[in-house]
């Protein structure tokens, strides 16, 4: 397996062939991989770290948690697990693909990075199904839609993700290439293994859950518009308020699904395209690096989408802010009273 293949399955090692001719292209790709890419990923992960911690703390501090809170909290935890391992991968990028942390940590970091893809896809799919049941079929499977059972479902999803990521635990190791470079990569020695693993990862984390997510949200939107039209014709209530709710739901669905597709689709498409390329071009490298940035950007964007698109989260954050403000004012008043009494 050549260097470009080893890089694409792990998304972390040296993405260009050191023996590739063309000094100008080599310099451009080297600068992109060792400077630009680590800097962008570092900024993305720093923002995502703050946002996801904020989401997790907000949900944990909420006394009455809802079922969507459990799913969103698990998505944020999955992103945090993914972000925690990113400094090691950024370090490898900055050193031109060299891994210096040992083989065990290489296996752990890469496996957790892959586990994030399985966990996020699975949680988002089941959360979409839960939203369908809650809005379209509210009286079906109500005994399964409880907080305790939702927590159990998420635990099962995590266990399933750890099982599905088993190939990464087995095949990820530190590989020494012909030029002496030691990189953390998938040790897939034959083109058939590369093909099957790529198809396995792409289908299970993207092409299988995506239709299920689309079907759930399309059914939700169809049901919502149908109920809105029926109520409008019957004249049961003011049509302005339901229309606002429908438009808000439509916007939320389009944004969430759109971010999922935009962030994940380019990466998986580039993985499939790489199978057909024998000599990568500069356009391929630019597209691949852009796809990597988009795939990691979702971990940073998701928590802020939850805050912006959910009035519930906005209320919780405002409550936390108001509590802090009141505590600060109380402290100021105590200090002023203390000073007055001392005088």
Protein backbone atom coordinates (compact mmCIF):
# COMPACT_ATOMS: atom_id res chain seq x y z
CA UNK A 1 0.00 0.00 0.00
CA UNK A 2 1.46 3.37 -0.97
CA UNK A 3 1.65 6.48 1.15
CA UNK A 4 -1.37 8.20 -0.33
CA UNK A 5 -3.58 5.21 0.47
CA UNK A 6 -2.26 4.94 3.99
CA UNK A 7 -3.01 8.60 4.50
CA UNK A 8 -6.57 8.53 3.25
CA UNK A 9 -7.76 5.72 5.48
CA UNK A 10 -6.44 7.45 8.59
CA UNK A 11 -6.84 11.08 7.54
CA UNK A 12 -3.73 11.91 9.55
CA UNK A 13 -0.42 10.83 7.99
CA UNK A 14 1.64 12.42 5.26
CA UNK A 15 -0.82 12.87 2.42
CA UNK A 16 1.65 13.40 -0.36
CA UNK A 17 4.27 11.08 -1.86
CA UNK A 18 7.71 12.39 -1.04
CA UNK A 19 9.02 11.03 -4.34
CA UNK A 20 6.43 12.96 -6.37
CA UNK A 21 8.11 15.19 -8.96
CA UNK A 22 7.38 18.88 -9.23
CA UNK A 23 9.12 21.15 -6.72
CA UNK A 24 6.46 23.86 -6.80
CA UNK A 25 3.57 21.48 -6.15
CA UNK A 26 5.60 19.78 -3.43
CA UNK A 27 6.17 23.09 -1.64
CA UNK A 28 2.51 24.07 -1.89
CA UNK A 29 1.30 20.73 -0.53
CA UNK A 30 3.96 20.67 2.17
CA UNK A 31 2.97 24.16 3.36
CA UNK A 32 -0.72 23.24 3.28
CA UNK A 33 -0.21 20.09 5.33
CA UNK A 34 2.31 21.34 7.88
CA UNK A 35 1.05 24.92 8.40
CA UNK A 36 -2.38 25.74 6.99
CA UNK A 37 -4.21 22.50 7.79
CA UNK A 38 -3.01 22.17 11.42
CA UNK A 39 -3.84 25.83 12.05
CA UNK A 40 -7.38 25.55 10.66
CA UNK A 41 -8.09 22.28 12.47
CA UNK A 42 -6.70 23.77 15.69
CA UNK A 43 -9.04 26.76 15.46
CA UNK A 44 -12.00 24.55 14.62
CA UNK A 45 -11.35 22.17 17.51
CA UNK A 46 -10.76 24.99 20.02
CA UNK A 47 -14.14 26.49 19.12
CA UNK A 48 -15.80 23.08 19.22
CA UNK A 49 -14.28 22.33 22.61
CA UNK A 50 -15.84 25.44 24.15
CA UNK A 51 -19.21 24.92 22.45
CA UNK A 52 -19.60 21.25 23.32
CA UNK A 53 -18.52 21.74 26.93
CA UNK A 54 -21.13 24.49 27.18
CA UNK A 55 -23.81 22.16 25.83
CA UNK A 56 -22.89 19.29 28.17
CA UNK A 57 -22.77 21.53 31.26
CA UNK A 58 -26.09 23.17 30.35
CA UNK A 59 -27.83 19.81 29.99
CA UNK A 60 -26.26 18.33 33.13
CA UNK A 61 -27.35 21.33 35.19
CA UNK A 62 -30.91 21.08 33.87
CA UNK A 63 -33.14 19.44 36.46
CA UNK A 64 -35.91 18.30 34.11
CA UNK A 65 -34.17 16.76 31.13
CA UNK A 66 -36.04 15.88 27.96
CA UNK A 67 -35.41 12.99 25.59
CA UNK A 68 -33.79 15.23 22.93
CA UNK A 69 -31.46 16.53 25.67
CA UNK A 70 -30.07 13.01 26.12
CA UNK A 71 -29.34 12.63 22.41
CA UNK A 72 -27.83 16.10 22.09
CA UNK A 73 -25.68 15.53 25.17
CA UNK A 74 -24.35 12.28 23.70
CA UNK A 75 -23.61 14.01 20.38
CA UNK A 76 -21.67 16.66 22.27
CA UNK A 77 -19.77 13.98 24.22
CA UNK A 78 -18.92 12.19 20.97
CA UNK A 79 -17.57 15.44 19.55
CA UNK A 80 -15.56 16.04 22.73
CA UNK A 81 -14.00 12.57 22.54
CA UNK A 82 -13.11 13.34 18.96
CA UNK A 83 -11.68 16.78 19.80
CA UNK A 84 -9.56 15.49 22.71
CA UNK A 85 -7.55 13.33 20.31
CA UNK A 86 -7.06 16.09 17.77
CA UNK A 87 -3.89 17.65 19.29
CA UNK A 88 -2.02 14.41 18.56
CA UNK A 89 -3.18 14.41 14.94
CA UNK A 90 -2.42 18.12 14.55
CA UNK A 91 1.08 17.47 15.87
CA UNK A 92 1.55 14.73 13.28
CA UNK A 93 0.37 17.01 10.47
CA UNK A 94 2.71 19.80 11.61
CA UNK A 95 5.67 17.39 11.57
CA UNK A 96 5.01 16.31 8.00
CA UNK A 97 3.28 13.05 8.94
CA UNK A 98 5.74 11.88 11.61
CA UNK A 99 4.18 10.15 14.64
CA UNK A 100 6.21 10.33 17.86
CA UNK A 101 3.72 9.13 20.49
CA UNK A 102 4.12 5.37 20.10
CA UNK A 103 2.00 2.64 18.57
CA UNK A 104 -0.52 2.15 21.47
CA UNK A 105 -1.54 5.81 21.48
CA UNK A 106 -1.71 5.73 17.68
CA UNK A 107 -4.26 2.92 17.87
CA UNK A 108 -6.30 4.60 20.61
CA UNK A 109 -6.46 8.06 19.01
CA UNK A 110 -7.29 6.77 15.53
CA UNK A 111 -9.90 4.33 16.84
CA UNK A 112 -11.63 7.05 18.87
CA UNK A 113 -11.53 9.32 15.83
CA UNK A 114 -13.26 6.62 13.79
CA UNK A 115 -15.64 5.79 16.65
CA UNK A 116 -16.85 9.38 16.55
CA UNK A 117 -18.10 8.85 12.98
CA UNK A 118 -20.07 5.74 13.95
CA UNK A 119 -21.45 7.24 17.17
CA UNK A 120 -22.56 10.56 15.62
CA UNK A 121 -24.23 8.87 12.66
CA UNK A 122 -26.02 6.35 14.88
CA UNK A 123 -27.17 8.91 17.45
CA UNK A 124 -28.38 11.32 14.79
CA UNK A 125 -30.32 8.54 13.04
CA UNK A 126 -32.02 7.33 16.22
CA UNK A 127 -32.73 10.92 17.28
CA UNK A 128 -34.42 11.53 13.93
CA UNK A 129 -36.56 8.42 14.45
CA UNK A 130 -37.45 9.64 17.95
CA UNK A 131 -38.51 13.02 16.55
CA UNK A 132 -40.73 11.24 14.02
CA UNK A 133 -42.40 9.18 16.75
CA UNK A 134 -42.84 12.23 19.00
CA UNK A 135 -44.43 14.44 16.34
CA UNK A 136 -46.17 12.08 13.91
CA UNK A 137 -46.90 9.03 16.08
CA UNK A 138 -47.05 10.46 19.62
CA UNK A 139 -49.12 7.57 21.05
CA UNK A 140 -46.99 4.74 19.68
CA UNK A 141 -44.08 3.18 21.58
CA UNK A 142 -44.56 5.61 24.45
CA UNK A 143 -43.27 2.98 26.89
CA UNK A 144 -39.92 3.09 25.07
CA UNK A 145 -39.65 6.86 24.97
CA UNK A 146 -38.63 7.52 28.56
CA UNK A 147 -35.51 9.16 29.97
CA UNK A 148 -34.12 5.95 31.48
CA UNK A 149 -34.68 3.91 28.32
CA UNK A 150 -33.30 6.68 26.15
CA UNK A 151 -30.10 6.57 28.20
CA UNK A 152 -29.96 2.81 27.68
CA UNK A 153 -30.46 3.26 23.94
CA UNK A 154 -27.53 5.68 23.80
CA UNK A 155 -25.35 3.28 25.78
CA UNK A 156 -26.21 0.56 23.27
CA UNK A 157 -25.29 2.91 20.43
CA UNK A 158 -21.91 3.57 22.04
CA UNK A 159 -21.27 -0.15 22.49
CA UNK A 160 -22.27 -0.82 18.88
CA UNK A 161 -19.93 1.96 17.71
CA UNK A 162 -17.02 0.45 19.63
CA UNK A 163 -17.76 -2.92 18.03
CA UNK A 164 -18.04 -1.48 14.52
CA UNK A 165 -14.72 0.31 14.94
CA UNK A 166 -12.98 -3.03 15.61
CA UNK A 167 -11.03 -2.95 12.28
CA UNK A 168 -9.40 0.30 13.37
CA UNK A 169 -8.25 -1.30 16.63
CA UNK A 170 -6.72 -4.18 14.67
CA UNK A 171 -5.13 -2.50 11.65
CA UNK A 172 -4.02 0.90 12.99
CA UNK A 173 -0.33 1.04 13.88
CA UNK A 174 2.85 3.04 13.38
CA UNK A 175 4.18 2.24 9.90
CA UNK A 176 7.71 2.95 8.71
CA UNK A 177 7.78 3.92 5.03
CA UNK A 178 10.62 3.55 2.58
CA UNK A 179 11.92 7.08 3.16
CA UNK A 180 12.22 6.38 6.91
CA UNK A 181 9.10 8.32 7.91
CA UNK A 182 7.10 6.72 10.73
CA UNK A 183 3.39 7.55 10.49
CA UNK A 184 0.25 6.49 12.27
CA UNK A 185 -1.86 4.80 9.59
CA UNK A 186 -4.04 1.84 8.68
CA UNK A 187 -1.88 -1.12 7.73
CA UNK A 188 -3.99 -2.31 4.79
CA UNK A 189 -1.57 -4.21 2.58
CA UNK A 190 -3.73 -5.08 -0.43
CA UNK A 191 -5.99 -2.99 -2.70
CA UNK A 192 -8.89 -5.32 -1.92
CA UNK A 193 -8.58 -4.62 1.80
CA UNK A 194 -8.46 -0.89 1.09
CA UNK A 195 -11.56 -1.12 -1.09
CA UNK A 196 -13.62 -3.14 1.37
CA UNK A 197 -12.67 -1.03 4.37
CA UNK A 198 -13.48 2.19 2.52
CA UNK A 199 -16.86 0.86 1.46
CA UNK A 200 -17.51 -0.45 4.97
CA UNK A 201 -16.74 2.90 6.62
CA UNK A 202 -18.54 5.00 4.01
CA UNK A 203 -21.72 2.91 3.91
CA UNK A 204 -22.12 2.42 7.67
CA UNK A 205 -21.38 6.03 8.66
CA UNK A 206 -22.99 7.94 5.79
CA UNK A 207 -24.85 6.23 2.96
CA UNK A 208 -26.89 3.97 5.25
CA UNK A 209 -28.01 6.51 7.91
CA UNK A 210 -28.54 9.40 5.48
CA UNK A 211 -31.68 7.99 3.76
CA UNK A 212 -33.18 7.10 7.15
CA UNK A 213 -32.64 10.64 8.40
CA UNK A 214 -34.12 12.13 5.25
CA UNK A 215 -37.18 9.86 5.41
CA UNK A 216 -37.89 10.75 9.04
CA UNK A 217 -37.67 14.49 8.49
CA UNK A 218 -39.61 14.40 5.22
CA UNK A 219 -42.43 12.56 6.97
CA UNK A 220 -42.31 15.09 9.81
CA UNK A 221 -42.54 18.02 7.42
CA UNK A 222 -45.34 16.41 5.40
CA UNK A 223 -47.34 15.72 8.55
CA UNK A 224 -46.76 19.24 9.90
CA UNK A 225 -47.85 20.94 6.69
CA UNK A 226 -50.87 18.66 6.41
CA UNK A 227 -52.01 19.54 9.92
CA UNK A 228 -51.40 23.21 9.26
CA UNK A 229 -53.54 23.13 6.08
CA UNK A 230 -56.34 21.26 7.84
CA UNK A 231 -56.43 23.73 10.71
CA UNK A 232 -56.27 26.64 8.31
CA UNK A 233 -59.28 25.41 6.35
CA UNK A 234 -61.23 24.68 9.52
CA UNK A 235 -60.42 28.11 10.91
CA UNK A 236 -59.68 26.65 14.32
CA UNK A 237 -57.07 29.24 15.25
CA UNK A 238 -54.99 32.10 13.96
CA UNK A 239 -52.94 30.76 11.06
CA UNK A 240 -50.05 33.11 11.73
CA UNK A 241 -48.71 31.27 14.77
CA UNK A 242 -48.81 27.75 13.24
CA UNK A 243 -47.15 29.08 10.09
CA UNK A 244 -44.31 30.50 12.16
CA UNK A 245 -43.87 27.16 13.89
CA UNK A 246 -43.87 25.30 10.58
CA UNK A 247 -41.31 27.64 9.07
CA UNK A 248 -39.12 27.37 12.16
CA UNK A 249 -39.28 23.57 12.00
CA UNK A 250 -38.56 23.62 8.28
CA UNK A 251 -35.55 25.86 8.80
CA UNK A 252 -34.20 23.69 11.61
CA UNK A 253 -34.57 20.49 9.59
CA UNK A 254 -32.93 21.98 6.52
CA UNK A 255 -30.02 23.39 8.51
CA UNK A 256 -29.31 20.23 10.54
CA UNK A 257 -29.55 17.88 7.57
CA UNK A 258 -27.66 20.35 5.39
CA UNK A 259 -24.76 20.59 7.84
CA UNK A 260 -24.62 16.80 8.12
CA UNK A 261 -24.48 16.38 4.34
CA UNK A 262 -22.09 19.27 3.65
CA UNK A 263 -19.65 18.22 6.37
CA UNK A 264 -19.64 14.47 5.75
CA UNK A 265 -20.37 14.00 2.05
CA UNK A 266 -17.17 15.58 0.60
CA UNK A 267 -14.95 13.47 2.83
CA UNK A 268 -16.62 10.19 1.90
CA UNK A 269 -16.74 11.14 -1.77
CA UNK A 270 -13.01 11.88 -1.73
CA UNK A 271 -12.37 8.52 -0.11
CA UNK A 272 -14.16 6.82 -2.99
CA UNK A 273 -12.47 9.00 -5.61
CA UNK A 274 -9.07 8.12 -4.18
CA UNK A 275 -9.70 4.47 -5.06
CA UNK A 276 -9.68 5.42 -8.74
CA UNK A 277 -6.63 7.69 -8.70
CA UNK A 278 -3.16 6.29 -9.34
CA UNK A 279 -1.30 9.63 -9.43
CA UNK A 280 -2.91 12.35 -7.25
CA UNK A 281 -3.02 15.88 -8.64
CA UNK A 282 -2.89 19.23 -6.90
CA UNK A 283 -6.66 19.57 -7.33
CA UNK A 284 -7.12 16.27 -5.51
CA UNK A 285 -5.01 17.43 -2.56
CA UNK A 286 -6.87 20.74 -2.31
CA UNK A 287 -10.22 18.93 -2.43
CA UNK A 288 -9.11 16.36 0.12
CA UNK A 289 -7.79 18.94 2.58
CA UNK A 290 -11.01 20.95 2.22
CA UNK A 291 -13.05 17.81 2.87
CA UNK A 292 -11.04 17.11 6.03
CA UNK A 293 -11.66 20.64 7.33
CA UNK A 294 -15.39 20.34 6.63
CA UNK A 295 -15.63 16.96 8.37
CA UNK A 296 -13.99 18.36 11.49
CA UNK A 297 -15.95 21.61 11.32
CA UNK A 298 -19.19 19.80 12.13
CA UNK A 299 -17.91 19.13 15.66
CA UNK A 300 -17.52 22.88 16.09
CA UNK A 301 -20.72 23.99 14.37
CA UNK A 302 -23.20 21.54 15.93
CA UNK A 303 -23.32 22.97 19.48
CA UNK A 304 -23.95 26.49 18.21
CA UNK A 305 -26.71 25.21 15.94
CA UNK A 306 -28.42 23.68 18.96
CA UNK A 307 -28.21 27.02 20.76
CA UNK A 308 -29.35 29.16 17.83
CA UNK A 309 -32.14 26.88 16.59
CA UNK A 310 -33.53 25.81 19.95
CA UNK A 311 -35.33 28.35 22.07
CA UNK A 312 -35.04 25.92 24.97
CA UNK A 313 -31.27 26.15 25.01
CA UNK A 314 -31.40 29.91 24.68
CA UNK A 315 -33.64 30.15 27.74
CA UNK A 316 -31.32 27.90 29.75
CA UNK A 317 -28.28 29.93 28.81
CA UNK A 318 -30.06 33.18 29.62
CA UNK A 319 -31.09 31.76 32.98
CA UNK A 320 -27.51 30.77 33.74
CA UNK A 321 -26.35 34.24 32.71
CA UNK A 322 -29.00 35.99 34.81
CA UNK A 323 -28.11 33.87 37.83
CA UNK A 324 -24.47 34.86 37.46
CA UNK A 325 -25.43 38.53 37.10
CA UNK A 326 -27.63 38.41 40.19
CA UNK A 327 -24.85 36.76 42.17
CA UNK A 328 -22.42 39.45 41.04
CA UNK A 329 -24.81 42.25 42.01
CA UNK A 330 -25.36 40.61 45.38
CA UNK A 331 -21.63 40.45 45.97
CA UNK A 332 -21.27 44.11 45.01
CA UNK A 333 -24.06 45.10 47.41
CA UNK A 334 -22.44 43.10 50.22
CA UNK A 335 -19.13 44.83 49.62
CA UNK A 336 -20.80 48.26 49.62
CA UNK A 337 -22.66 47.48 52.84
CA UNK A 338 -19.45 46.26 54.45
CA UNK A 339 -17.62 49.42 53.44
CA UNK A 340 -20.43 51.63 54.78
CA UNK A 341 -20.51 49.83 58.11
CA UNK A 342 -16.74 50.11 58.43
CA UNK A 343 -16.88 53.87 57.85
